[in-house]
C-alpha atoms as a PDB file:
ATOM      1  CA  ASP A   1     120.836 110.056  76.382  1.00  0.00           C
ATOM      2  CA  ARG A   2     117.974 109.509  78.775  1.00  0.00           C
ATOM      3  CA  ARG A   3     115.946 107.283  76.428  1.00  0.00           C
ATOM      4  CA  ALA A   4     118.871 104.870  76.078  1.00  0.00           C
ATOM      5  CA  THR A   5     119.160 104.829  79.861  1.00  0.00           C
ATOM      6  CA  GLU A   6     115.482 104.067  80.312  1.00  0.00           C
ATOM      7  CA  ASN A   7     115.776 101.167  77.884  1.00  0.00           C
ATOM      8  CA  ARG A   8     118.250  99.594  80.317  1.00  0.00           C
ATOM      9  CA  LEU A   9     115.639  99.651  83.094  1.00  0.00           C
ATOM     10  CA  SER A  10     112.769  97.198  83.271  1.00  0.00           C
ATOM     11  CA  HIS A  11     109.251  98.638  83.631  1.00  0.00           C
ATOM     12  CA  LYS A  12     109.353  97.793  87.334  1.00  0.00           C
ATOM     13  CA  GLU A  13     112.733  99.532  87.743  1.00  0.00           C
ATOM     14  CA  PHE A  14     111.512 102.562  85.818  1.00  0.00           C
ATOM     15  CA  ASP A  15     108.500 102.733  88.172  1.00  0.00           C
ATOM     16  CA  ILE A  16     110.915 102.626  91.118  1.00  0.00           C
ATOM     17  CA  ALA A  17     112.942 105.488  89.549  1.00  0.00           C
ATOM     18  CA  LYS A  18     109.718 107.530  89.302  1.00  0.00           C
ATOM     19  CA  LYS A  19     108.991 106.706  92.960  1.00  0.00           C
ATOM     20  CA  VAL A  20     112.487 107.943  93.888  1.00  0.00           C
ATOM     21  CA  GLU A  21     111.766 111.224  92.064  1.00  0.00           C
ATOM     22  CA  GLN A  22     108.554 111.538  94.061  1.00  0.00           C
ATOM     23  CA  PHE A  23     110.290 110.857  97.395  1.00  0.00           C
ATOM     24  CA  MET A  24     112.821 113.564  96.545  1.00  0.00           C
ATOM     25  CA  ALA A  25     110.560 116.223  95.033  1.00  0.00           C
ATOM     26  CA  LEU A  26     107.406 115.821  97.115  1.00  0.00           C
ATOM     27  CA  ASP A  27     108.440 114.137 100.356  1.00  0.00           C
ATOM     28  CA  LYS A  28     111.833 115.895 100.452  1.00  0.00           C
ATOM     29  CA  VAL A  29     113.452 112.874 102.148  1.00  0.00           C
ATOM     30  CA  TYR A  30     116.871 114.458 101.543  1.00  0.00           C
ATOM     31  CA  GLN A  31     116.122 117.031 104.272  1.00  0.00           C
ATOM     32  CA  GLU A  32     116.598 114.280 106.856  1.00  0.00           C
ATOM     33  CA  ALA A  33     120.368 114.133 107.406  1.00  0.00           C
ATOM     34  CA  SER A  34     120.289 110.480 108.473  1.00  0.00           C
ATOM     35  CA  TYR A  35     118.157 109.322 105.513  1.00  0.00           C
ATOM     36  CA  SER A  36     120.051 106.488 103.842  1.00  0.00           C
ATOM     37  CA  ARG A  37     120.040 104.379 100.721  1.00  0.00           C
ATOM     38  CA  MET A  38     118.670 101.593 102.927  1.00  0.00           C
ATOM     39  CA  ASP A  39     115.708 103.808 103.949  1.00  0.00           C
ATOM     40  CA  LEU A  40     114.975 104.614 100.311  1.00  0.00           C
ATOM     41  CA  ALA A  41     115.261 100.958  99.278  1.00  0.00           C
ATOM     42  CA  ARG A  42     112.843  99.967 102.029  1.00  0.00           C
ATOM     43  CA  GLU A  43     110.318 102.644 100.997  1.00  0.00           C
ATOM     44  CA  CYS A  44     110.579 101.513  97.365  1.00  0.00           C
ATOM     45  CA  ASP A  45     110.278  97.858  98.403  1.00  0.00           C
ATOM     46  CA  THR A  46     113.560  96.835  96.800  1.00  0.00           C
ATOM     47  CA  THR A  47     117.178  96.106  97.773  1.00  0.00           C
ATOM     48  CA  GLU A  48     119.952  98.640  98.328  1.00  0.00           C
ATOM     49  CA  THR A  49     121.827  97.136  95.377  1.00  0.00           C
ATOM     50  CA  SER A  50     118.795  97.629  93.125  1.00  0.00           C
ATOM     51  CA  ILE A  51     118.161 101.168  94.313  1.00  0.00           C
ATOM     52  CA  SER A  52     121.807 102.073  93.607  1.00  0.00           C
ATOM     53  CA  ARG A  53     121.676 100.546  90.131  1.00  0.00           C
ATOM     54  CA  ILE A  54     118.374 102.273  89.317  1.00  0.00           C
ATOM     55  CA  ILE A  55     119.640 105.673  90.546  1.00  0.00           C
ATOM     56  CA  ASN A  56     122.897 105.242  88.603  1.00  0.00           C
ATOM     57  CA  ALA A  57     121.041 104.269  85.418  1.00  0.00           C
ATOM     58  CA  HIS A  58     118.101 106.694  85.627  1.00  0.00           C
ATOM     59  CA  PHE A  59     119.692 109.781  87.175  1.00  0.00           C
ATOM     60  CA  GLU A  60     123.264 109.058  86.020  1.00  0.00           C
ATOM     61  CA  LYS A  61     124.622 109.794  89.508  1.00  0.00           C
ATOM     62  CA  SER A  62     125.126 108.100  92.850  1.00  0.00           C
ATOM     63  CA  PHE A  63     122.686 108.171  95.766  1.00  0.00           C
ATOM     64  CA  PRO A  64     124.800 110.735  97.715  1.00  0.00           C
ATOM     65  CA  GLN A  65     125.145 112.920  94.597  1.00  0.00           C
ATOM     66  CA  LEU A  66     121.376 112.830  94.055  1.00  0.00           C
ATOM     67  CA  MET A  67     120.684 113.727  97.700  1.00  0.00           C
ATOM     68  CA  ASN A  68     123.202 116.579  97.636  1.00  0.00           C
ATOM     69  CA  GLU A  69     121.833 117.943  94.370  1.00  0.00           C
ATOM     70  CA  TYR A  70     118.386 118.329  95.938  1.00  0.00           C
ATOM     71  CA  ARG A  71     119.870 119.745  99.158  1.00  0.00           C
ATOM     72  CA  VAL A  72     121.911 122.379  97.325  1.00  0.00           C
ATOM     73  CA  LYS A  73     118.953 123.337  95.121  1.00  0.00           C
ATOM     74  CA  ASP A  74     116.865 123.943  98.264  1.00  0.00           C
ATOM     75  CA  ALA A  75     119.712 125.766  99.986  1.00  0.00           C
ATOM     76  CA  LYS A  76     120.155 128.163  97.047  1.00  0.00           C
ATOM     77  CA  GLN A  77     116.501 129.116  97.248  1.00  0.00           C
ATOM     78  CA  LEU A  78     116.633 129.597 101.043  1.00  0.00           C
ATOM     79  CA  LEU A  79     119.832 131.658 100.819  1.00  0.00           C
ATOM     80  CA  ILE A  80     118.136 134.035  98.377  1.00  0.00           C
ATOM     81  CA  GLU A  81     114.670 134.164  99.957  1.00  0.00           C
ATOM     82  CA  THR A  82     115.414 134.148 103.697  1.00  0.00           C
ATOM     83  CA  ALA A  83     117.729 135.755 106.198  1.00  0.00           C
ATOM     84  CA  ALA A  84     118.241 132.452 108.044  1.00  0.00           C
ATOM     85  CA  PRO A  85     121.844 131.812 109.121  1.00  0.00           C
ATOM     86  CA  VAL A  86     123.888 129.687 106.712  1.00  0.00           C
ATOM     87  CA  LYS A  87     124.383 127.004 109.371  1.00  0.00           C
ATOM     88  CA  GLN A  88     120.594 126.777 109.904  1.00  0.00           C
ATOM     89  CA  ILE A  89     119.952 126.462 106.157  1.00  0.00           C
ATOM     90  CA  GLY A  90     122.547 123.694 105.861  1.00  0.00           C
ATOM     91  CA  SER A  91     120.840 121.824 108.667  1.00  0.00           C
ATOM     92  CA  ASP A  92     117.325 122.462 107.283  1.00  0.00           C
ATOM     93  CA  VAL A  93     118.198 120.991 103.885  1.00  0.00           C
ATOM     94  CA  GLY A  94     119.760 117.860 105.373  1.00  0.00           C
ATOM     95  CA  PHE A  95     123.470 118.422 105.943  1.00  0.00           C
ATOM     96  CA  ASN A  96     124.684 117.184 109.316  1.00  0.00           C
ATOM     97  CA  SER A  97     127.511 119.729 109.599  1.00  0.00           C
ATOM     98  CA  LEU A  98     128.323 123.229 108.418  1.00  0.00           C
ATOM     99  CA  ALA A  99     131.656 121.952 107.054  1.00  0.00           C
ATOM    100  CA  SER A 100     130.033 119.356 104.778  1.00  0.00           C
ATOM    101  CA  PHE A 101     127.380 121.882 103.683  1.00  0.00           C
ATOM    102  CA  ASN A 102     130.059 124.437 102.757  1.00  0.00           C
ATOM    103  CA  ARG A 103     132.209 121.831 100.969  1.00  0.00           C
ATOM    104  CA  VAL A 104     129.396 120.260  98.927  1.00  0.00           C
ATOM    105  CA  PHE A 105     127.804 123.637  98.114  1.00  0.00           C
ATOM    106  CA  LYS A 106     131.123 125.071  96.908  1.00  0.00           C
ATOM    107  CA  ASP A 107     131.869 121.932  94.841  1.00  0.00           C
ATOM    108  CA  MET A 108     128.482 122.115  93.129  1.00  0.00           C
ATOM    109  CA  VAL A 109     127.960 125.885  92.816  1.00  0.00           C
ATOM    110  CA  GLY A 110     131.504 127.199  92.615  1.00  0.00           C
ATOM    111  CA  GLU A 111     131.225 129.521  95.619  1.00  0.00           C
ATOM    112  CA  SER A 112     130.450 129.242  99.315  1.00  0.00           C
ATOM    113  CA  PRO A 113     126.865 129.601 100.582  1.00  0.00           C
ATOM    114  CA  SER A 114     127.763 133.015 102.096  1.00  0.00           C
ATOM    115  CA  ALA A 115     129.281 134.267  98.829  1.00  0.00           C
ATOM    116  CA  PHE A 116     126.299 132.904  96.884  1.00  0.00           C
ATOM    117  CA  ARG A 117     123.906 134.795  99.170  1.00  0.00           C
ATOM    118  CA  LYS A 118     125.878 138.055  98.724  1.00  0.00           C
ATOM    119  CA  THR A 119     125.897 137.800  94.917  1.00  0.00           C
ATOM    120  CA  HIS A 120     122.214 136.793  94.650  1.00  0.00           C
ATOM    121  CA  LYS A 121     120.508 139.102  97.163  1.00  0.00           C
END
């Protein structure tokens, strides 16, 4: 339950969690393949340990899981709305290889990016 989770975060930590949401949703930091937990911690003016704990408590997932969730969400939209090659989409949303894009996408969606595009066009 999200309310129970938020009770475990201090006001300052909750503010940092909101900042993380903003960096993901508005700044789309996940599109940069090399963007790291250290980069996010620095932008939120906290430590890597704190940022991990806050993400785990607030989002109930790890930093890589959070990044990949946003990447796959973007990729799904691009696969449906554009004719861009799958490899290009993977790169545009922040994956540094086609193999990792295909693997993560299939794990999260249940089908490959190519199959997803075929069934959703």
